[in-house]
Amino acid sequence: MGPIFQLYHRWGIFRLTKFKLDPSCNCHTGPSVLDVNNQKRISSNQVTKKSKKGKLLCQQVLDSFDQQYNQELGPLWPLAREVLLDPHSWQYAVMLNRFSTVTDITQTLQSQGFSTFLPQVDAPGLVYNGPSTVSNLKNQAGNDSLLQTHCISKCPPNDSHDQLGSTSHMFVPEVPSPSVCFPSTSLQCYIHTYPLRFPSQLHIPGQLKQYYLLNAASLLPVLALKVRDGEKILDLCSAPGGKALVIMQCATPELLCCNEPDPHRQKRLAKTLESFLPQSVTNRVILSAQDGRYFGHSEVGKYDKVLVDAPCSNDRSWLYSQNNQQGEQRLKERAKLPALQAQLLKSALSAVRPGGVVVYSTCTLSSSENYSVVKTVLKDCPEAEPEDLWEELAVSTSKYFTFFNSGGHTLHDWPLLQQNIMSCNHHRLGILVVPQPGKTWGPMFLSRIKKKQ
């Protein structure tokens, strides 16, 4: 077993625990918001500020981050550091499940001050209240085989999102940004200006969950993908399944292949899909267990669009490594991640058809895992062409997110950026969401690459 493959395998083990620290990992179980048997309405006092026992900080990881990010992010890092070290301030988004009845949930969210992140469109005929199953999802490890429902184990209870809200972080006044304008989508997501904790729902086999809790920045890679009905989509690093769910909330693809080589993580992925997708839709979804580095070799040019939500040094969770030994090990492996990430991105470019697009994303602030990976792959793959997401996504969503600009400015400095933005090409490699007080979403890096015809 080569060192990179060992790293890829160990990453799967690390990510198994990531959901305990980061809402974008999307494994949400706990007290049910709506009793499925009694269909009880959520009481308003169930939406509370978050409470969570303090996490143990890994000083070695923090020291490493300080050294790197002070240099790379400049004045943005001290405030980002403040957010990452204060889980009580983290905000959460609530994505509604278009395949379930959500009227009561919507009313409760609105009564608690939640507002929609994206404009909504009517999606008639999508509500499905019947049982869900993943028994027809294919597990493509060599020959296709059925992934039986009885193989899916339940996640342990997770109360990691019960955190006390912080009143010390207020929204910073900003220059008005252009309104968000995206293609018509059935995606419905609610956010709050304060770190309110909306209760999570239990996984009940055969029942569809009504909503999914996530970091709102996790929506951006899928929005950049611009998924449309009837397309063939590959989610190359799919577990635990959050972005696959976002894809299915945005459109109805002809095929969605969710790839995850680690068997334990694949069980989590299958359970997530089972919890949100009805049987009438899961016939469009397959599970694959291929090594993502070589996926493109076996399925050349098959997909219209590919998402690479790559393994990375997840800043939110790595700061809270279980012990110093784990922190040291992670820091040693961090240097190896860019090589793995580049292999995955090249594999994705091989799997996408000419004219198709690949979105590469991470949940780290590290330039070596973000811009440098994209730059390396573009150099090695002449058929790849980056597409600028700055105005399409960064400018249009600056009301919600703080984006890093290589000139040291953010979108709060919009008048200055308007003068200098044309002379700065760094953002063509990708855009980076940096958590800041009042806008604690992220970290999230994303880059969109088109494969030339």
Protein backbone atom coordinates (compact mmCIF):
# COMPACT_ATOMS: atom_id res chain seq x y z
CA MET A 1 0.00 0.00 0.00
CA GLY A 2 1.61 3.26 -1.13
CA PRO A 3 1.88 6.30 1.15
CA ILE A 4 -0.75 8.29 -0.76
CA PHE A 5 -3.24 5.44 -0.62
CA GLN A 6 -2.56 5.05 3.10
CA LEU A 7 -3.26 8.74 3.50
CA TYR A 8 -6.47 8.39 1.48
CA HIS A 9 -7.59 5.53 3.72
CA ARG A 10 -6.67 7.33 6.94
CA TRP A 11 -8.51 10.40 5.70
CA GLY A 12 -11.64 8.27 5.60
CA ILE A 13 -11.11 7.32 9.23
CA PHE A 14 -10.52 10.95 10.24
CA ARG A 15 -13.58 12.13 8.39
CA LEU A 16 -15.68 9.55 10.24
CA THR A 17 -15.32 11.69 13.35
CA LYS A 18 -15.53 15.02 11.58
CA PHE A 19 -19.27 15.30 11.94
CA LYS A 20 -18.86 15.71 15.65
CA LEU A 21 -17.27 19.08 15.11
CA ASP A 22 -18.42 20.53 11.82
CA PRO A 23 -22.05 20.92 10.66
CA SER A 24 -20.97 20.71 7.03
CA CYS A 25 -20.20 17.04 7.63
CA ASN A 26 -23.90 16.52 7.87
CA CYS A 27 -24.60 13.59 10.12
CA HIS A 28 -27.51 14.86 12.17
CA THR A 29 -29.31 12.70 14.63
CA GLY A 30 -30.83 13.48 17.97
CA PRO A 31 -34.19 14.65 19.34
CA SER A 32 -36.78 14.56 16.59
CA VAL A 33 -38.22 17.89 15.53
CA LEU A 34 -41.43 16.36 14.33
CA ASP A 35 -42.67 13.11 15.80
CA VAL A 36 -43.24 11.04 12.67
CA ASN A 37 -45.97 8.98 14.25
CA ASN A 38 -47.93 11.84 15.81
CA GLN A 39 -46.96 14.56 13.29
CA LYS A 40 -46.51 17.01 16.18
CA ARG A 41 -45.84 20.63 15.37
CA ILE A 42 -42.55 22.01 16.63
CA SER A 43 -43.05 24.28 19.60
CA SER A 44 -41.38 27.66 19.29
CA ASN A 45 -39.29 27.11 22.42
CA GLN A 46 -37.57 24.10 20.81
CA VAL A 47 -35.47 26.42 18.66
CA THR A 48 -32.85 27.52 21.16
CA LYS A 49 -29.41 28.98 21.27
CA LYS A 50 -26.77 26.31 21.09
CA SER A 51 -25.15 24.72 24.10
CA LYS A 52 -22.13 22.47 24.00
CA LYS A 53 -19.43 21.46 26.39
CA GLY A 54 -16.12 23.09 25.57
CA LYS A 55 -13.85 21.32 23.11
CA LEU A 56 -10.19 20.69 23.77
CA LEU A 57 -7.99 22.81 21.53
CA CYS A 58 -4.92 21.27 19.90
CA GLN A 59 -2.27 23.95 20.39
CA GLN A 60 0.13 22.40 17.88
CA VAL A 61 -2.43 22.67 15.10
CA LEU A 62 -3.33 26.22 16.10
CA ASP A 63 0.33 27.25 16.09
CA SER A 64 0.71 25.80 12.60
CA PHE A 65 -2.40 27.61 11.40
CA ASP A 66 -1.20 30.88 12.91
CA GLN A 67 2.12 30.65 11.13
CA GLN A 68 0.58 29.82 7.75
CA TYR A 69 -2.62 31.85 7.73
CA ASN A 70 -1.15 35.07 9.11
CA GLN A 71 1.01 35.07 5.99
CA GLU A 72 -1.66 33.94 3.53
CA LEU A 73 -4.76 35.77 4.78
CA GLY A 74 -3.25 38.84 6.41
CA PRO A 75 -5.80 40.87 8.40
CA LEU A 76 -8.58 38.35 7.76
CA TRP A 77 -6.91 35.63 9.83
CA PRO A 78 -7.24 37.11 13.36
CA LEU A 79 -11.02 37.38 12.98
CA ALA A 80 -11.28 33.99 11.26
CA ARG A 81 -9.23 32.56 14.11
CA GLU A 82 -11.64 34.10 16.60
CA VAL A 83 -14.57 32.37 14.91
CA LEU A 84 -12.88 28.98 14.61
CA LEU A 85 -11.98 29.08 18.29
CA ASP A 86 -15.54 29.95 19.31
CA PRO A 87 -17.91 27.14 18.21
CA HIS A 88 -20.66 28.94 20.14
CA SER A 89 -20.70 31.55 17.38
CA TRP A 90 -21.08 29.12 14.46
CA GLN A 91 -24.19 29.60 12.36
CA TYR A 92 -26.23 26.79 10.82
CA ALA A 93 -28.46 26.59 7.78
CA VAL A 94 -31.60 24.46 7.41
CA MET A 95 -32.10 22.91 3.98
CA LEU A 96 -35.63 21.64 3.43
CA ASN A 97 -36.27 18.29 1.76
CA ARG A 98 -38.39 18.84 -1.35
CA PHE A 99 -39.48 15.19 -1.24
CA SER A 100 -41.17 15.59 2.15
CA THR A 101 -44.00 17.71 3.54
CA VAL A 102 -42.37 20.77 5.08
CA THR A 103 -45.22 23.26 5.63
CA ASP A 104 -44.99 23.13 9.44
CA ILE A 105 -41.19 23.36 9.33
CA THR A 106 -41.33 26.42 7.06
CA GLN A 107 -43.80 28.19 9.33
CA THR A 108 -41.70 27.46 12.41
CA LEU A 109 -38.50 28.67 10.77
CA GLN A 110 -40.12 31.91 9.67
CA SER A 111 -41.64 32.48 13.10
CA GLN A 112 -38.17 32.12 14.64
CA GLY A 113 -36.65 34.73 12.34
CA PHE A 114 -35.05 32.44 9.76
CA SER A 115 -35.01 33.77 6.20
CA THR A 116 -34.47 32.13 2.83
CA PHE A 117 -30.95 32.04 1.47
CA LEU A 118 -32.06 31.59 -2.14
CA PRO A 119 -35.16 32.62 -4.07
CA GLN A 120 -37.62 29.72 -4.15
CA VAL A 121 -39.55 28.29 -7.07
CA ASP A 122 -42.59 26.08 -6.89
CA ALA A 123 -41.82 22.42 -7.42
CA PRO A 124 -45.24 20.73 -7.83
CA GLY A 125 -45.44 17.00 -7.64
CA LEU A 126 -42.20 16.58 -5.73
CA VAL A 127 -43.63 15.88 -2.29
CA TYR A 128 -43.41 12.20 -1.47
CA ASN A 129 -44.52 10.86 1.90
CA GLY A 130 -44.03 7.16 1.29
CA PRO A 131 -41.18 4.94 2.48
CA SER A 132 -37.62 5.42 1.43
CA THR A 133 -35.13 2.74 0.49
CA VAL A 134 -31.59 2.45 -0.75
CA SER A 135 -31.86 -1.19 -1.69
CA ASN A 136 -31.72 -0.26 -5.36
CA LEU A 137 -28.50 1.73 -5.01
CA LYS A 138 -25.60 0.01 -6.72
CA ASN A 139 -22.29 -0.55 -5.00
CA GLN A 140 -19.79 -0.49 -7.82
CA ALA A 141 -16.80 -2.25 -6.36
CA GLY A 142 -15.77 -4.34 -9.30
CA ASN A 143 -19.07 -5.90 -10.37
CA ASP A 144 -22.22 -4.02 -9.39
CA SER A 145 -24.03 -5.48 -6.44
CA LEU A 146 -27.09 -4.40 -4.49
CA LEU A 147 -26.43 -2.51 -1.30
CA GLN A 148 -28.94 -4.04 1.07
CA THR A 149 -30.79 -1.84 3.52
CA HIS A 150 -29.97 -4.13 6.44
CA CYS A 151 -26.28 -3.30 5.97
CA ILE A 152 -26.88 0.32 6.97
CA SER A 153 -25.95 1.00 10.58
CA LYS A 154 -27.21 3.95 12.55
CA CYS A 155 -24.95 6.86 13.38
CA PRO A 156 -24.36 7.40 17.07
CA PRO A 157 -26.39 10.20 18.65
CA ASN A 158 -24.91 13.59 17.84
CA ASP A 159 -25.62 16.61 19.98
CA SER A 160 -22.60 18.52 18.76
CA HIS A 161 -24.73 21.34 17.42
CA ASP A 162 -26.30 22.21 20.79
CA GLN A 163 -24.21 25.29 21.36
CA LEU A 164 -24.81 28.52 23.21
CA GLY A 165 -25.34 31.53 20.98
CA SER A 166 -22.88 34.38 21.27
CA THR A 167 -24.08 37.94 21.46
CA SER A 168 -20.59 39.33 21.04
CA HIS A 169 -20.56 38.89 17.26
CA MET A 170 -22.80 41.25 15.35
CA PHE A 171 -23.13 41.67 11.62
CA VAL A 172 -20.80 44.30 10.22
CA PRO A 173 -22.48 46.95 8.06
CA GLU A 174 -21.59 46.40 4.45
CA VAL A 175 -21.81 48.00 1.06
CA PRO A 176 -24.99 46.73 -0.65
CA SER A 177 -24.18 43.92 -3.04
CA PRO A 178 -26.01 42.83 -6.17
CA SER A 179 -28.96 40.56 -5.50
CA VAL A 180 -28.45 36.83 -5.69
CA CYS A 181 -29.46 35.56 -9.12
CA PHE A 182 -29.26 31.84 -9.85
CA PRO A 183 -30.94 29.51 -12.33
CA SER A 184 -34.37 28.30 -11.22
CA THR A 185 -33.95 25.75 -8.48
CA SER A 186 -36.20 23.92 -6.07
CA LEU A 187 -33.55 24.28 -3.36
CA GLN A 188 -35.00 25.81 -0.19
CA CYS A 189 -32.56 26.81 2.52
CA TYR A 190 -33.09 28.96 5.60
CA ILE A 191 -30.47 30.86 7.58
CA HIS A 192 -30.44 33.06 10.67
CA THR A 193 -28.30 36.06 11.55
CA TYR A 194 -27.61 34.55 14.96
CA PRO A 195 -26.22 31.09 15.81
CA LEU A 196 -29.60 29.56 16.60
CA ARG A 197 -29.73 25.78 16.80
CA PHE A 198 -32.64 24.21 14.97
CA PRO A 199 -33.24 20.71 16.40
CA SER A 200 -32.03 17.76 14.35
CA GLN A 201 -34.16 14.78 13.37
CA LEU A 202 -33.73 11.11 14.11
CA HIS A 203 -32.96 8.66 11.36
CA ILE A 204 -35.98 6.38 11.10
CA PRO A 205 -35.75 3.63 8.47
CA GLY A 206 -38.54 3.98 5.92
CA GLN A 207 -39.27 7.63 6.80
CA LEU A 208 -37.99 10.70 5.02
CA LYS A 209 -36.42 13.50 6.99
CA GLN A 210 -37.83 16.97 6.41
CA TYR A 211 -34.64 19.00 6.58
CA TYR A 212 -30.88 18.85 6.73
CA LEU A 213 -28.53 21.00 8.84
CA LEU A 214 -25.38 22.29 7.19
CA ASN A 215 -22.88 25.09 6.82
CA ALA A 216 -24.45 27.41 4.22
CA ALA A 217 -21.10 27.75 2.44
CA SER A 218 -21.44 24.05 1.54
CA LEU A 219 -24.15 25.05 -0.94
CA LEU A 220 -21.75 27.09 -3.05
CA PRO A 221 -19.90 24.21 -4.81
CA VAL A 222 -23.22 22.73 -5.95
CA LEU A 223 -24.54 26.13 -7.04
CA ALA A 224 -21.31 26.58 -9.02
CA LEU A 225 -21.94 23.20 -10.65
CA LYS A 226 -25.27 24.50 -12.07
CA VAL A 227 -26.91 21.09 -12.04
CA ARG A 228 -29.85 20.68 -14.42
CA ASP A 229 -32.46 18.01 -14.96
CA GLY A 230 -31.39 15.07 -17.10
CA GLU A 231 -27.63 15.43 -16.60
CA LYS A 232 -25.18 12.75 -15.53
CA ILE A 233 -23.42 13.86 -12.35
CA LEU A 234 -20.48 12.36 -10.47
CA ASP A 235 -19.87 13.17 -6.80
CA LEU A 236 -16.34 11.80 -6.63
CA CYS A 237 -15.75 12.11 -2.85
CA SER A 238 -19.35 11.81 -1.76
CA ALA A 239 -19.48 10.71 1.90
CA PRO A 240 -21.08 11.68 4.16
CA GLY A 241 -23.56 12.77 1.47
CA GLY A 242 -24.42 16.41 2.18
CA LYS A 243 -23.56 17.76 -1.24
CA ALA A 244 -25.24 14.80 -2.96
CA LEU A 245 -28.42 15.82 -1.16
CA VAL A 246 -27.99 19.42 -2.28
CA ILE A 247 -27.64 18.18 -5.87
CA MET A 248 -30.88 16.24 -5.59
CA GLN A 249 -32.64 19.24 -4.06
CA CYS A 250 -31.55 21.43 -6.98
CA ALA A 251 -32.49 19.18 -9.88
CA THR A 252 -33.40 15.68 -11.02
CA PRO A 253 -30.36 14.32 -12.86
CA GLU A 254 -30.55 11.33 -15.15
CA LEU A 255 -27.78 9.79 -13.05
CA LEU A 256 -26.02 10.73 -9.83
CA CYS A 257 -23.03 8.55 -9.01
CA CYS A 258 -21.92 8.90 -5.38
CA ASN A 259 -18.42 7.52 -5.03
CA GLU A 260 -16.90 6.54 -1.68
CA PRO A 261 -14.21 3.82 -1.33
CA ASP A 262 -14.24 3.53 2.46
CA PRO A 263 -16.89 0.95 3.52
CA HIS A 264 -17.74 2.64 6.83
CA ARG A 265 -18.16 6.04 5.25
CA GLN A 266 -20.18 4.48 2.46
CA LYS A 267 -22.65 3.14 5.03
CA ARG A 268 -23.08 6.66 6.35
CA LEU A 269 -23.55 7.90 2.81
CA ALA A 270 -26.19 5.25 2.06
CA LYS A 271 -28.06 6.04 5.26
CA THR A 272 -28.07 9.75 4.46
CA LEU A 273 -29.51 9.10 1.01
CA GLU A 274 -32.07 6.72 2.47
CA SER A 275 -33.18 9.38 4.95
CA PHE A 276 -33.92 12.01 2.31
CA LEU A 277 -34.64 10.40 -1.05
CA PRO A 278 -37.78 8.40 -1.96
CA GLN A 279 -37.58 5.16 -3.88
CA SER A 280 -38.94 6.90 -6.99
CA VAL A 281 -35.74 8.99 -7.10
CA THR A 282 -33.09 6.58 -5.84
CA ASN A 283 -33.28 4.62 -9.09
CA ARG A 284 -31.30 7.53 -10.50
CA VAL A 285 -28.62 7.25 -7.80
CA ILE A 286 -25.84 4.70 -7.60
CA LEU A 287 -23.14 4.14 -5.02
CA SER A 288 -19.64 3.47 -6.23
CA ALA A 289 -16.64 2.26 -4.21
CA GLN A 290 -13.81 3.06 -6.60
CA ASP A 291 -10.54 4.72 -5.66
CA GLY A 292 -11.26 8.29 -6.71
CA ARG A 293 -7.74 8.79 -8.06
CA TYR A 294 -8.41 6.26 -10.80
CA PHE A 295 -12.14 6.69 -11.33
CA GLY A 296 -11.62 8.71 -14.50
CA HIS A 297 -9.55 5.93 -16.03
CA SER A 298 -12.48 3.51 -16.01
CA GLU A 299 -15.26 5.95 -16.94
CA VAL A 300 -13.68 8.37 -19.39
CA GLY A 301 -15.92 11.23 -20.50
CA LYS A 302 -19.09 9.68 -19.07
CA TYR A 303 -20.36 12.58 -16.95
CA ASP A 304 -21.69 16.03 -17.77
CA LYS A 305 -20.53 17.46 -14.46
CA VAL A 306 -18.26 16.29 -11.63
CA LEU A 307 -17.97 17.50 -8.06
CA VAL A 308 -14.68 16.93 -6.23
CA ASP A 309 -15.26 17.80 -2.58
CA ALA A 310 -11.75 16.70 -1.79
CA PRO A 311 -10.25 15.35 1.45
CA CYS A 312 -8.48 18.24 3.13
CA SER A 313 -7.07 19.53 6.40
CA ASN A 314 -10.49 20.54 7.68
CA ASP A 315 -9.72 23.62 9.74
CA ARG A 316 -12.78 23.42 11.99
CA SER A 317 -12.21 19.85 13.11
CA TRP A 318 -8.42 19.67 13.03
CA LEU A 319 -8.17 22.45 15.60
CA TYR A 320 -9.88 20.06 18.00
CA SER A 321 -7.81 16.94 17.44
CA GLN A 322 -8.40 14.29 20.09
CA ASN A 323 -4.87 14.54 21.47
CA ASN A 324 -1.43 15.93 20.68
CA GLN A 325 -0.40 12.72 18.96
CA GLN A 326 -3.29 12.93 16.53
CA GLY A 327 -2.54 16.60 15.94
CA GLU A 328 1.09 15.82 15.14
CA GLN A 329 0.08 13.03 12.78
CA ARG A 330 -2.37 15.26 10.96
CA LEU A 331 0.21 17.99 10.50
CA LYS A 332 2.65 15.46 9.03
CA GLU A 333 0.04 14.22 6.60
CA ARG A 334 -1.05 17.72 5.67
CA ALA A 335 1.95 18.13 3.40
CA LYS A 336 0.89 15.05 1.43
CA LEU A 337 -2.67 16.18 0.80
CA PRO A 338 -2.04 18.42 -2.25
CA ALA A 339 -0.67 15.48 -4.23
CA LEU A 340 -3.78 13.43 -3.44
CA GLN A 341 -6.07 16.36 -4.23
CA ALA A 342 -4.38 16.94 -7.58
CA GLN A 343 -4.80 13.27 -8.48
CA LEU A 344 -8.51 13.42 -7.64
CA LEU A 345 -9.01 16.58 -9.69
CA LYS A 346 -7.20 15.09 -12.69
CA SER A 347 -9.34 11.96 -12.38
CA ALA A 348 -12.45 14.13 -12.40
CA LEU A 349 -11.30 15.91 -15.55
CA SER A 350 -10.90 12.54 -17.20
CA ALA A 351 -14.39 11.44 -16.12
CA VAL A 352 -16.14 14.55 -17.43
CA ARG A 353 -17.10 14.86 -21.09
CA PRO A 354 -15.59 17.54 -23.36
CA GLY A 355 -17.54 20.70 -22.73
CA GLY A 356 -18.48 19.52 -19.24
CA VAL A 357 -17.40 21.13 -15.97
CA VAL A 358 -15.68 20.06 -12.77
CA VAL A 359 -16.05 21.88 -9.44
CA TYR A 360 -13.22 21.37 -6.97
CA SER A 361 -13.89 22.29 -3.33
CA THR A 362 -12.35 21.98 0.13
CA CYS A 363 -13.22 23.16 3.64
CA THR A 364 -9.77 24.51 4.44
CA LEU A 365 -8.19 27.97 4.18
CA SER A 366 -4.86 26.49 3.07
CA SER A 367 -3.62 27.96 -0.20
CA SER A 368 -1.50 24.86 -0.89
CA GLU A 369 -4.66 22.73 -0.91
CA ASN A 370 -6.71 25.26 -2.84
CA TYR A 371 -5.20 27.66 -5.36
CA SER A 372 -1.95 25.71 -5.69
CA VAL A 373 -3.74 22.44 -6.47
CA VAL A 374 -5.84 24.09 -9.16
CA LYS A 375 -2.81 25.83 -10.61
CA THR A 376 -0.85 22.58 -10.74
CA VAL A 377 -3.65 20.69 -12.48
CA LEU A 378 -4.22 23.46 -15.02
CA LYS A 379 -0.53 23.34 -15.85
CA ASP A 380 -0.60 19.57 -16.35
CA CYS A 381 -3.95 19.43 -18.18
CA PRO A 382 -4.08 21.70 -21.22
CA GLU A 383 -7.70 20.68 -21.86
CA ALA A 384 -8.75 22.31 -18.57
CA GLU A 385 -9.88 25.92 -18.49
CA PRO A 386 -10.79 27.78 -15.26
CA GLU A 387 -14.02 29.76 -15.09
CA ASP A 388 -14.23 32.93 -13.04
CA LEU A 389 -16.67 32.63 -10.13
CA TRP A 390 -15.96 36.01 -8.56
CA GLU A 391 -18.85 38.02 -9.95
CA GLU A 392 -21.14 35.03 -10.47
CA LEU A 393 -20.96 33.79 -6.87
CA ALA A 394 -18.71 35.94 -4.68
CA VAL A 395 -20.19 39.32 -5.54
CA SER A 396 -23.76 38.02 -5.68
CA THR A 397 -23.57 36.32 -2.27
CA SER A 398 -21.41 38.86 -0.42
CA LYS A 399 -24.46 39.70 1.68
CA TYR A 400 -24.02 36.31 3.35
CA PHE A 401 -20.34 35.39 3.04
CA THR A 402 -16.92 37.02 3.41
CA PHE A 403 -14.64 36.21 0.48
CA PHE A 404 -10.89 36.49 0.40
CA ASN A 405 -9.23 38.49 -2.33
CA SER A 406 -5.52 38.12 -3.00
CA GLY A 407 -5.13 41.89 -2.90
CA GLY A 408 -5.87 41.76 0.81
CA HIS A 409 -9.38 43.17 0.45
CA THR A 410 -12.80 41.68 1.00
CA LEU A 411 -16.11 42.53 -0.54
CA HIS A 412 -16.66 45.02 2.29
CA ASP A 413 -14.12 47.08 0.31
CA TRP A 414 -16.22 46.85 -2.84
CA PRO A 415 -15.59 50.38 -4.21
CA LEU A 416 -11.84 49.78 -4.01
CA LEU A 417 -12.21 46.32 -5.50
CA GLN A 418 -14.13 47.71 -8.46
CA GLN A 419 -11.03 49.71 -9.36
CA ASN A 420 -8.58 46.85 -8.95
CA ILE A 421 -10.51 43.67 -9.70
CA MET A 422 -9.69 43.57 -13.40
CA SER A 423 -5.98 43.59 -12.66
CA CYS A 424 -6.24 40.64 -10.27
CA ASN A 425 -6.40 37.19 -11.88
CA HIS A 426 -5.80 35.16 -8.72
CA HIS A 427 -9.51 34.70 -8.09
CA ARG A 428 -9.88 33.01 -11.50
CA LEU A 429 -8.35 29.96 -9.84
CA GLY A 430 -11.17 29.90 -7.29
CA ILE A 431 -12.95 31.76 -4.51
CA LEU A 432 -12.51 31.32 -0.77
CA VAL A 433 -15.11 31.87 1.96
CA VAL A 434 -13.41 32.99 5.18
CA PRO A 435 -15.43 32.79 8.42
CA GLN A 436 -15.77 36.16 10.14
CA PRO A 437 -17.75 37.36 13.15
CA GLY A 438 -21.41 37.65 12.15
CA LYS A 439 -20.73 35.67 8.97
CA THR A 440 -19.30 32.48 10.40
CA TRP A 441 -19.87 30.34 7.29
CA GLY A 442 -16.89 28.49 5.87
CA PRO A 443 -14.08 27.83 5.39
CA MET A 444 -15.01 26.84 1.84
CA PHE A 445 -12.89 27.02 -1.30
CA LEU A 446 -14.31 26.31 -4.73
CA SER A 447 -13.05 26.39 -8.28
CA ARG A 448 -14.88 25.59 -11.51
CA ILE A 449 -12.97 24.14 -14.43
CA LYS A 450 -14.35 23.52 -17.91
CA LYS A 451 -13.03 20.75 -20.11
CA LYS A 452 -12.43 22.16 -23.57
CA GLN A 453 -14.33 20.70 -26.49
